[in-house]
Amino acid sequence: MPDHIHIFIGYNVNQLIPNLVENIKTSSNAWEKKEEKLSKYKFEWQRGYEAFSHSRSQLDTVVKYIQNQEQHQKKSFRNEYLEILRKIDIKYQYEYLFEFFENGGVWD
């Protein structure tokens, strides 16, 4: 998707999620630079991230959701994200949400 990414992984529960996210961001930045800019737009990660856990019984549902991302384009990522937070009853404050790019992830 042009404005967000889903990474569905199994990981060691003794590993801290912030360290895992830092490793993913660092290694993907290095890979993108090595591949001589896969995009004509500047690639960079936002500061924030969101991590959700799922039980094994939800595995197929989560995989299908990620595989069908293009079908979700009927809604903006912002609207879909906020809908998910409300659905699973996560309280949030707007000032702490990460920045959304309403123009499909393209910076001017």
Protein backbone atom coordinates (compact mmCIF):
# COMPACT_ATOMS: atom_id res chain seq x y z
CA MET A 1 0.00 0.00 0.00
CA PRO A 2 1.35 3.48 -0.74
CA ASP A 3 0.71 4.88 2.74
CA HIS A 4 1.20 1.99 5.17
CA ILE A 5 2.54 -1.50 5.59
CA HIS A 6 1.44 -4.58 7.49
CA ILE A 7 4.09 -6.95 8.80
CA PHE A 8 2.70 -10.16 10.23
CA ILE A 9 5.35 -12.12 12.07
CA GLY A 10 5.89 -14.57 14.84
CA TYR A 11 8.57 -13.46 17.24
CA ASN A 12 10.26 -14.42 20.47
CA VAL A 13 8.16 -13.05 23.33
CA ASN A 14 11.37 -12.20 25.18
CA GLN A 15 12.29 -9.72 22.45
CA LEU A 16 11.11 -6.15 23.01
CA ILE A 17 8.77 -4.86 20.29
CA PRO A 18 10.55 -1.46 20.03
CA ASN A 19 13.82 -3.29 19.31
CA LEU A 20 12.12 -5.49 16.72
CA VAL A 21 10.58 -2.45 15.00
CA GLU A 22 13.94 -0.64 15.03
CA ASN A 23 15.60 -3.65 13.38
CA ILE A 24 12.89 -3.81 10.71
CA LYS A 25 13.13 -0.09 9.94
CA THR A 26 16.95 -0.04 9.92
CA SER A 27 17.34 -3.10 7.71
CA SER A 28 14.59 -2.04 5.29
CA ASN A 29 16.18 1.43 4.95
CA ALA A 30 19.52 -0.17 4.12
CA TRP A 31 17.86 -2.54 1.62
CA GLU A 32 15.94 0.29 -0.08
CA LYS A 33 19.14 2.35 -0.48
CA LYS A 34 21.05 -0.66 -1.80
CA GLU A 35 18.39 -1.27 -4.44
CA GLU A 36 19.03 2.19 -5.88
CA LYS A 37 15.80 3.80 -4.85
CA LEU A 38 12.92 1.56 -5.76
CA SER A 39 10.63 4.57 -5.72
CA LYS A 40 10.89 8.01 -7.24
CA TYR A 41 9.67 9.37 -3.91
CA LYS A 42 11.79 9.77 -0.80
CA PHE A 43 11.39 6.76 1.43
CA GLU A 44 11.40 7.18 5.17
CA TRP A 45 9.64 5.69 8.13
CA GLN A 46 7.46 7.71 10.44
CA ARG A 47 8.44 7.82 14.09
CA GLY A 48 5.48 5.84 15.34
CA TYR A 49 4.21 2.35 14.77
CA GLU A 50 1.38 0.21 15.99
CA ALA A 51 1.68 -3.38 17.17
CA PHE A 52 -1.25 -5.73 17.68
CA SER A 53 -1.19 -9.28 18.92
CA HIS A 54 -3.45 -12.04 17.71
CA SER A 55 -4.21 -15.51 18.95
CA ARG A 56 -3.48 -18.55 16.80
CA SER A 57 -7.23 -18.94 16.22
CA GLN A 58 -7.21 -15.58 14.39
CA LEU A 59 -4.32 -16.48 12.09
CA ASP A 60 -6.40 -17.09 8.95
CA THR A 61 -8.49 -13.94 9.51
CA VAL A 62 -5.41 -11.74 9.87
CA VAL A 63 -3.68 -13.25 6.83
CA LYS A 64 -6.81 -12.74 4.69
CA TYR A 65 -7.10 -9.15 5.89
CA ILE A 66 -3.52 -8.40 4.87
CA GLN A 67 -3.81 -10.23 1.54
CA ASN A 68 -6.93 -8.21 0.67
CA GLN A 69 -5.45 -4.78 1.40
CA GLU A 70 -6.18 -3.43 -2.07
CA GLN A 71 -9.88 -4.08 -1.52
CA HIS A 72 -9.76 -1.88 1.57
CA GLN A 73 -8.96 1.18 -0.54
CA LYS A 74 -12.64 2.10 -0.40
CA LYS A 75 -11.71 3.75 2.90
CA SER A 76 -8.74 5.94 3.65
CA PHE A 77 -6.05 4.34 5.77
CA ARG A 78 -6.83 6.90 8.48
CA ASN A 79 -10.51 5.94 8.60
CA GLU A 80 -9.76 2.22 8.50
CA TYR A 81 -7.16 2.55 11.26
CA LEU A 82 -9.45 4.53 13.55
CA GLU A 83 -12.25 2.05 12.88
CA ILE A 84 -10.00 -0.82 13.99
CA LEU A 85 -9.02 1.02 17.18
CA ARG A 86 -12.67 1.64 18.01
CA LYS A 87 -13.69 -1.93 17.16
CA ILE A 88 -11.15 -3.43 19.57
CA ASP A 89 -11.87 -0.71 22.14
CA ILE A 90 -8.47 0.96 22.19
CA LYS A 91 -8.65 4.42 23.69
CA TYR A 92 -6.56 7.02 21.86
CA GLN A 93 -5.90 10.72 21.72
CA TYR A 94 -5.59 12.40 18.33
CA GLU A 95 -2.40 14.26 19.27
CA TYR A 96 -0.62 10.92 19.77
CA LEU A 97 -1.67 9.35 16.49
CA PHE A 98 0.94 9.22 13.77
CA GLU A 99 0.68 11.40 10.71
CA PHE A 100 -1.66 10.25 7.97
CA PHE A 101 -1.06 11.07 4.32
CA GLU A 102 -4.44 11.61 2.76
CA ASN A 103 -3.00 11.94 -0.75
CA GLY A 104 -2.01 8.27 -1.00
CA GLY A 105 1.39 8.58 0.59
CA VAL A 106 2.82 10.96 -2.00
CA TRP A 107 4.74 13.90 -0.63
CA ASP A 108 4.71 17.20 -2.48
